[in-house]
């Protein structure tokens, strides 16, 4: 199911891109609520916006994965 690590440069690029994207998603998931609170948003709105952001990211990942096959 998973490709073997053969030293292939394409595989390394894909893994690097996935790692950077995961880091970016995690970074935004932590910083976004703090930023929204500083802007004066209510806790319910902060939760809704953060949830929508994470769901949108998950949906985009699933959609791109589905079309990439």
PDB file of N, CA and C in Angstrom:
ATOM      1  N   UNK A   1       0.814  -1.192   0.000  1.00  0.00           N
ATOM      2  CA  UNK A   1       0.000   0.000   0.000  1.00  0.00           C
ATOM      3  C   UNK A   1       0.862   1.263   0.000  1.00  0.00           C
ATOM      4  N   UNK A   2       1.862   1.295   0.860  1.00  0.00           N
ATOM      5  CA  UNK A   2       2.731   2.464   0.929  1.00  0.00           C
ATOM      6  C   UNK A   2       3.971   2.233   0.079  1.00  0.00           C
ATOM      7  N   UNK A   3       4.442   3.286  -0.608  1.00  0.00           N
ATOM      8  CA  UNK A   3       5.651   3.108  -1.412  1.00  0.00           C
ATOM      9  C   UNK A   3       6.865   2.920  -0.518  1.00  0.00           C
ATOM     10  N   UNK A   4       7.810   2.126  -0.999  1.00  0.00           N
ATOM     11  CA  UNK A   4       9.040   1.908  -0.244  1.00  0.00           C
ATOM     12  C   UNK A   4       9.966   3.101  -0.454  1.00  0.00           C
ATOM     13  N   UNK A   5      10.758   3.394   0.572  1.00  0.00           N
ATOM     14  CA  UNK A   5      11.738   4.474   0.476  1.00  0.00           C
ATOM     15  C   UNK A   5      12.923   3.968  -0.343  1.00  0.00           C
ATOM     16  N   UNK A   6      12.968   4.339  -1.616  1.00  0.00           N
ATOM     17  CA  UNK A   6      14.023   3.861  -2.500  1.00  0.00           C
ATOM     18  C   UNK A   6      15.044   4.939  -2.801  1.00  0.00           C
ATOM     19  N   UNK A   7      14.872   6.128  -2.252  1.00  0.00           N
ATOM     20  CA  UNK A   7      15.771   7.213  -2.574  1.00  0.00           C
ATOM     21  C   UNK A   7      15.327   7.976  -3.808  1.00  0.00           C
ATOM     22  N   UNK A   8      14.188   7.643  -4.338  1.00  0.00           N
ATOM     23  CA  UNK A   8      13.675   8.308  -5.526  1.00  0.00           C
ATOM     24  C   UNK A   8      13.394   9.769  -5.212  1.00  0.00           C
ATOM     25  N   UNK A   9      13.842  10.669  -6.050  1.00  0.00           N
ATOM     26  CA  UNK A   9      13.688  12.102  -5.776  1.00  0.00           C
ATOM     27  C   UNK A   9      12.227  12.544  -5.809  1.00  0.00           C
ATOM     28  N   UNK A  10      11.403  11.916  -6.643  1.00  0.00           N
ATOM     29  CA  UNK A  10       9.979  12.270  -6.675  1.00  0.00           C
ATOM     30  C   UNK A  10       9.298  11.904  -5.370  1.00  0.00           C
ATOM     31  N   UNK A  11       9.618  10.744  -4.841  1.00  0.00           N
ATOM     32  CA  UNK A  11       9.045  10.313  -3.577  1.00  0.00           C
ATOM     33  C   UNK A  11       9.460  11.263  -2.454  1.00  0.00           C
ATOM     34  N   UNK A  12      10.702  11.658  -2.460  1.00  0.00           N
ATOM     35  CA  UNK A  12      11.184  12.599  -1.437  1.00  0.00           C
ATOM     36  C   UNK A  12      10.461  13.945  -1.541  1.00  0.00           C
ATOM     37  N   UNK A  13      10.228  14.402  -2.749  1.00  0.00           N
ATOM     38  CA  UNK A  13       9.503  15.665  -2.939  1.00  0.00           C
ATOM     39  C   UNK A  13       8.074  15.569  -2.429  1.00  0.00           C
ATOM     40  N   UNK A  14       7.420  14.460  -2.711  1.00  0.00           N
ATOM     41  CA  UNK A  14       6.044  14.266  -2.250  1.00  0.00           C
ATOM     42  C   UNK A  14       6.000  14.239  -0.726  1.00  0.00           C
ATOM     43  N   UNK A  15       6.900  13.498  -0.112  1.00  0.00           N
ATOM     44  CA  UNK A  15       6.929  13.428   1.349  1.00  0.00           C
ATOM     45  C   UNK A  15       7.257  14.780   1.968  1.00  0.00           C
ATOM     46  N   UNK A  16       8.167  15.515   1.360  1.00  0.00           N
ATOM     47  CA  UNK A  16       8.493  16.851   1.859  1.00  0.00           C
ATOM     48  C   UNK A  16       7.292  17.778   1.741  1.00  0.00           C
ATOM     49  N   UNK A  17       6.612  17.729   0.605  1.00  0.00           N
ATOM     50  CA  UNK A  17       5.436  18.582   0.410  1.00  0.00           C
ATOM     51  C   UNK A  17       4.338  18.235   1.410  1.00  0.00           C
ATOM     52  N   UNK A  18       4.110  16.947   1.640  1.00  0.00           N
ATOM     53  CA  UNK A  18       3.087  16.536   2.610  1.00  0.00           C
ATOM     54  C   UNK A  18       3.472  16.967   4.022  1.00  0.00           C
ATOM     55  N   UNK A  19       4.741  16.868   4.350  1.00  0.00           N
ATOM     56  CA  UNK A  19       5.205  17.281   5.677  1.00  0.00           C
ATOM     57  C   UNK A  19       5.019  18.777   5.877  1.00  0.00           C
ATOM     58  N   UNK A  20       5.386  19.558   4.887  1.00  0.00           N
ATOM     59  CA  UNK A  20       5.235  21.012   4.989  1.00  0.00           C
ATOM     60  C   UNK A  20       3.767  21.408   5.077  1.00  0.00           C
ATOM     61  N   UNK A  21       2.924  20.727   4.332  1.00  0.00           N
ATOM     62  CA  UNK A  21       1.491  21.031   4.389  1.00  0.00           C
ATOM     63  C   UNK A  21       0.909  20.679   5.755  1.00  0.00           C
ATOM     64  N   UNK A  22       1.307  19.553   6.300  1.00  0.00           N
ATOM     65  CA  UNK A  22       0.826  19.156   7.631  1.00  0.00           C
ATOM     66  C   UNK A  22       1.298  20.145   8.688  1.00  0.00           C
ATOM     67  N   UNK A  23       2.542  20.589   8.570  1.00  0.00           N
ATOM     68  CA  UNK A  23       3.057  21.588   9.512  1.00  0.00           C
ATOM     69  C   UNK A  23       2.264  22.882   9.392  1.00  0.00           C
ATOM     70  N   UNK A  24       2.019  23.322   8.170  1.00  0.00           N
ATOM     71  CA  UNK A  24       1.257  24.547   7.947  1.00  0.00           C
ATOM     72  C   UNK A  24      -0.163  24.450   8.486  1.00  0.00           C
ATOM     73  N   UNK A  25      -0.810  23.323   8.254  1.00  0.00           N
ATOM     74  CA  UNK A  25      -2.168  23.122   8.781  1.00  0.00           C
ATOM     75  C   UNK A  25      -2.170  23.182  10.305  1.00  0.00           C
ATOM     76  N   UNK A  26      -1.222  22.520  10.918  1.00  0.00           N
ATOM     77  CA  UNK A  26      -1.137  22.525  12.373  1.00  0.00           C
ATOM     78  C   UNK A  26      -0.853  23.906  12.925  1.00  0.00           C
ATOM     79  N   UNK A  27       0.021  24.626  12.254  1.00  0.00           N
ATOM     80  CA  UNK A  27       0.388  25.978  12.680  1.00  0.00           C
ATOM     81  C   UNK A  27      -0.823  26.907  12.623  1.00  0.00           C
ATOM     82  N   UNK A  28      -1.565  26.827  11.538  1.00  0.00           N
ATOM     83  CA  UNK A  28      -2.759  27.664  11.385  1.00  0.00           C
ATOM     84  C   UNK A  28      -3.838  27.263  12.389  1.00  0.00           C
ATOM     85  N   UNK A  29      -3.968  25.964  12.642  1.00  0.00           N
ATOM     86  CA  UNK A  29      -4.981  25.492  13.597  1.00  0.00           C
ATOM     87  C   UNK A  29      -4.708  26.018  15.004  1.00  0.00           C
ATOM     88  N   UNK A  30      -3.456  26.299  15.317  1.00  0.00           N
ATOM     89  CA  UNK A  30      -3.107  26.840  16.637  1.00  0.00           C
ATOM     90  C   UNK A  30      -3.221  28.366  16.643  1.00  0.00           C
ATOM     91  N   UNK A  31      -2.714  29.017  15.613  1.00  0.00           N
ATOM     92  CA  UNK A  31      -2.679  30.484  15.602  1.00  0.00           C
ATOM     93  C   UNK A  31      -4.011  31.155  15.296  1.00  0.00           C
ATOM     94  N   UNK A  32      -4.814  30.538  14.447  1.00  0.00           N
ATOM     95  CA  UNK A  32      -6.076  31.160  14.046  1.00  0.00           C
ATOM     96  C   UNK A  32      -6.987  31.482  15.225  1.00  0.00           C
ATOM     97  N   UNK A  33      -7.223  30.547  16.156  1.00  0.00           N
ATOM     98  CA  UNK A  33      -8.095  30.886  17.294  1.00  0.00           C
ATOM     99  C   UNK A  33      -7.547  32.037  18.145  1.00  0.00           C
ATOM    100  N   UNK A  34      -6.246  32.062  18.373  1.00  0.00           N
ATOM    101  CA  UNK A  34      -5.657  33.170  19.142  1.00  0.00           C
ATOM    102  C   UNK A  34      -5.879  34.506  18.440  1.00  0.00           C
ATOM    103  N   UNK A  35      -5.689  34.509  17.135  1.00  0.00           N
ATOM    104  CA  UNK A  35      -5.874  35.727  16.360  1.00  0.00           C
ATOM    105  C   UNK A  35      -7.330  36.193  16.399  1.00  0.00           C
ATOM    106  N   UNK A  36      -8.254  35.253  16.242  1.00  0.00           N
ATOM    107  CA  UNK A  36      -9.669  35.615  16.249  1.00  0.00           C
ATOM    108  C   UNK A  36     -10.103  36.141  17.620  1.00  0.00           C
ATOM    109  N   UNK A  37      -9.590  35.561  18.681  1.00  0.00           N
ATOM    110  CA  UNK A  37      -9.903  36.052  20.033  1.00  0.00           C
ATOM    111  C   UNK A  37      -9.384  37.470  20.199  1.00  0.00           C
ATOM    112  N   UNK A  38      -8.173  37.743  19.706  1.00  0.00           N
ATOM    113  CA  UNK A  38      -7.612  39.107  19.795  1.00  0.00           C
ATOM    114  C   UNK A  38      -8.431  40.108  19.001  1.00  0.00           C
ATOM    115  N   UNK A  39      -9.067  39.644  17.935  1.00  0.00           N
ATOM    116  CA  UNK A  39      -9.922  40.529  17.149  1.00  0.00           C
ATOM    117  C   UNK A  39     -11.266  40.771  17.823  1.00  0.00           C
ATOM    118  N   UNK A  40     -11.571  40.012  18.866  1.00  0.00           N
ATOM    119  CA  UNK A  40     -12.803  40.223  19.609  1.00  0.00           C
ATOM    120  C   UNK A  40     -13.945  39.282  19.266  1.00  0.00           C
ATOM    121  N   UNK A  41     -13.660  38.205  18.552  1.00  0.00           N
ATOM    122  CA  UNK A  41     -14.708  37.249  18.230  1.00  0.00           C
ATOM    123  C   UNK A  41     -15.145  36.493  19.477  1.00  0.00           C
ATOM    124  N   UNK A  42     -16.416  36.117  19.505  1.00  0.00           N
ATOM    125  CA  UNK A  42     -16.955  35.311  20.606  1.00  0.00           C
ATOM    126  C   UNK A  42     -16.393  33.886  20.513  1.00  0.00           C
ATOM    127  N   UNK A  43     -16.314  33.173  21.639  1.00  0.00           N
ATOM    128  CA  UNK A  43     -15.778  31.805  21.596  1.00  0.00           C
ATOM    129  C   UNK A  43     -16.526  30.870  20.638  1.00  0.00           C
ATOM    130  N   UNK A  44     -17.831  31.021  20.547  1.00  0.00           N
ATOM    131  CA  UNK A  44     -18.601  30.177  19.630  1.00  0.00           C
ATOM    132  C   UNK A  44     -18.208  30.453  18.180  1.00  0.00           C
ATOM    133  N   UNK A  45     -18.026  31.705  17.839  1.00  0.00           N
ATOM    134  CA  UNK A  45     -17.622  32.068  16.480  1.00  0.00           C
ATOM    135  C   UNK A  45     -16.209  31.570  16.182  1.00  0.00           C
ATOM    136  N   UNK A  46     -15.334  31.677  17.166  1.00  0.00           N
ATOM    137  CA  UNK A  46     -13.960  31.181  16.988  1.00  0.00           C
ATOM    138  C   UNK A  46     -13.992  29.676  16.703  1.00  0.00           C
ATOM    139  N   UNK A  47     -14.782  28.947  17.475  1.00  0.00           N
ATOM    140  CA  UNK A  47     -14.899  27.503  17.259  1.00  0.00           C
ATOM    141  C   UNK A  47     -15.476  27.172  15.904  1.00  0.00           C
ATOM    142  N   UNK A  48     -16.502  27.908  15.493  1.00  0.00           N
ATOM    143  CA  UNK A  48     -17.133  27.648  14.199  1.00  0.00           C
ATOM    144  C   UNK A  48     -16.174  27.941  13.045  1.00  0.00           C
ATOM    145  N   UNK A  49     -15.467  29.042  13.121  1.00  0.00           N
ATOM    146  CA  UNK A  49     -14.528  29.408  12.054  1.00  0.00           C
ATOM    147  C   UNK A  49     -13.377  28.417  11.988  1.00  0.00           C
ATOM    148  N   UNK A  50     -12.845  28.046  13.148  1.00  0.00           N
ATOM    149  CA  UNK A  50     -11.738  27.089  13.182  1.00  0.00           C
ATOM    150  C   UNK A  50     -12.183  25.726  12.652  1.00  0.00           C
ATOM    151  N   UNK A  51     -13.361  25.288  13.061  1.00  0.00           N
ATOM    152  CA  UNK A  51     -13.898  24.017  12.576  1.00  0.00           C
ATOM    153  C   UNK A  51     -14.096  24.050  11.070  1.00  0.00           C
ATOM    154  N   UNK A  52     -14.663  25.131  10.558  1.00  0.00           N
ATOM    155  CA  UNK A  52     -14.878  25.251   9.114  1.00  0.00           C
ATOM    156  C   UNK A  52     -13.550  25.232   8.362  1.00  0.00           C
ATOM    157  N   UNK A  53     -12.548  25.883   8.910  1.00  0.00           N
ATOM    158  CA  UNK A  53     -11.227  25.899   8.276  1.00  0.00           C
ATOM    159  C   UNK A  53     -10.635  24.501   8.212  1.00  0.00           C
ATOM    160  N   UNK A  54     -10.691  23.766   9.320  1.00  0.00           N
ATOM    161  CA  UNK A  54     -10.127  22.416   9.352  1.00  0.00           C
ATOM    162  C   UNK A  54     -10.925  21.454   8.470  1.00  0.00           C
ATOM    163  N   UNK A  55     -12.244  21.581   8.472  1.00  0.00           N
ATOM    164  CA  UNK A  55     -13.059  20.728   7.604  1.00  0.00           C
ATOM    165  C   UNK A  55     -12.801  21.022   6.130  1.00  0.00           C
ATOM    166  N   UNK A  56     -12.641  22.290   5.810  1.00  0.00           N
ATOM    167  CA  UNK A  56     -12.332  22.664   4.428  1.00  0.00           C
ATOM    168  C   UNK A  56     -10.997  22.098   3.978  1.00  0.00           C
ATOM    169  N   UNK A  57     -10.023  22.141   4.848  1.00  0.00           N
ATOM    170  CA  UNK A  57      -8.712  21.577   4.527  1.00  0.00           C
ATOM    171  C   UNK A  57      -8.796  20.069   4.342  1.00  0.00           C
ATOM    172  N   UNK A  58      -9.542  19.401   5.225  1.00  0.00           N
ATOM    173  CA  UNK A  58      -9.710  17.948   5.106  1.00  0.00           C
ATOM    174  C   UNK A  58     -10.444  17.597   3.821  1.00  0.00           C
ATOM    175  N   UNK A  59     -11.486  18.348   3.493  1.00  0.00           N
ATOM    176  CA  UNK A  59     -12.236  18.099   2.262  1.00  0.00           C
ATOM    177  C   UNK A  59     -11.351  18.288   1.035  1.00  0.00           C
ATOM    178  N   UNK A  60     -10.548  19.344   1.032  1.00  0.00           N
ATOM    179  CA  UNK A  60      -9.654  19.597  -0.108  1.00  0.00           C
ATOM    180  C   UNK A  60      -8.646  18.460  -0.255  1.00  0.00           C
ATOM    181  N   UNK A  61      -8.125  17.969   0.847  1.00  0.00           N
ATOM    182  CA  UNK A  61      -7.173  16.856   0.795  1.00  0.00           C
ATOM    183  C   UNK A  61      -7.845  15.610   0.219  1.00  0.00           C
ATOM    184  N   UNK A  62      -9.036  15.295   0.690  1.00  0.00           N
ATOM    185  CA  UNK A  62      -9.755  14.124   0.183  1.00  0.00           C
ATOM    186  C   UNK A  62     -10.116  14.278  -1.296  1.00  0.00           C
ATOM    187  N   UNK A  63     -10.571  15.461  -1.677  1.00  0.00           N
ATOM    188  CA  UNK A  63     -10.959  15.693  -3.071  1.00  0.00           C
ATOM    189  C   UNK A  63      -9.763  15.587  -4.003  1.00  0.00           C
ATOM    190  N   UNK A  64      -8.656  16.200  -3.618  1.00  0.00           N
ATOM    191  CA  UNK A  64      -7.454  16.117  -4.471  1.00  0.00           C
ATOM    192  C   UNK A  64      -6.919  14.695  -4.540  1.00  0.00           C
ATOM    193  N   UNK A  65      -6.980  13.989  -3.414  1.00  0.00           N
ATOM    194  CA  UNK A  65      -6.541  12.598  -3.424  1.00  0.00           C
ATOM    195  C   UNK A  65      -7.417  11.731  -4.311  1.00  0.00           C
ATOM    196  N   UNK A  66      -8.688  12.010  -4.305  1.00  0.00           N
ATOM    197  CA  UNK A  66      -9.624  11.233  -5.126  1.00  0.00           C
ATOM    198  C   UNK A  66      -9.372  11.492  -6.620  1.00  0.00           C
ATOM    199  N   UNK A  67      -9.164  12.742  -6.983  1.00  0.00           N
ATOM    200  CA  UNK A  67      -8.951  13.069  -8.402  1.00  0.00           C
ATOM    201  C   UNK A  67      -7.548  12.718  -8.887  1.00  0.00           C
ATOM    202  N   UNK A  68      -6.604  12.590  -7.963  1.00  0.00           N
ATOM    203  CA  UNK A  68      -5.231  12.267  -8.343  1.00  0.00           C
ATOM    204  C   UNK A  68      -5.069  10.805  -8.720  1.00  0.00           C
ATOM    205  N   UNK A  69      -6.007   9.969  -8.301  1.00  0.00           N
ATOM    206  CA  UNK A  69      -5.883   8.541  -8.611  1.00  0.00           C
ATOM    207  C   UNK A  69      -6.163   8.358 -10.024  1.00  0.00           C
TER     208      UNK A  69
END
